[in-house]
Structures are given as C-alpha cells and as structure tokens.
Amino acid sequence: MVAVHNPAHDVILKPVVSEKSYAASDRGQYTFVVAPDANKVQIKQAVEEIFKVKVTNVNTLNRAGKRKRSRTGFGRRVNQKRAIVTVAAGQTIDIFGN
C-alpha cells in the first residue's frame, strides 16, 4: 500500500484545544497550529479542503517559544504559528466532539 501525500495536511498541523478556542467556536472561529511558512491563502485552501467548509476570514499570529529553566540550565519551547479561521455563518467544524 502506498501512502497518499496530501499537502493540505502539511499546512494544518493540529487544532488548538483550549477554553479560549472553545469559546471562540461559538462565534464560528477555530484555531489551528499551522506550518511556519504557510500564508493566509494556503491556510484558507487547506481548511476548506480538509473540513469541507467555506472560510470567510483568516488571522495569523506567531507565538515565540517560552524560555524554560531546568536543573541543567535553560532551554526554549518551540515557536508556533497559529491561524484563527472564521467559517461562514451556519457552518461548523467538529473539533471538540460536540
């Protein structure tokens, strides 16, 4: 069996499951961790392809990794790029199992 390469899954890495993103889902906004080099057009196309919804708006933000201290010294968490995607009225994405 040969694995099928889907570039949309290279853009959208995973959904963000938190209280804040759960509250935003009532407004039709969903948050995803995306590839650092992805732009808004690629993110919109990937969400529409994967979840079969109409995307009306995409906002992106870059989160710097926090500096963390351990017994052996300092380290950093990984930087993340996130996308807040707004879908058309009446459409939903089932991320939270509702």
Foldseek 3Di string as FASTA:
>chain_A
DDDDDDVLCQFFPAWDDDPVQVVCQVVQKTKTWGDPPDDPVSNQVSCCVPQVFHWDDKDKDKAFWDWDADPVGIDTDHITMMIITGTDPPDGGPPPPD
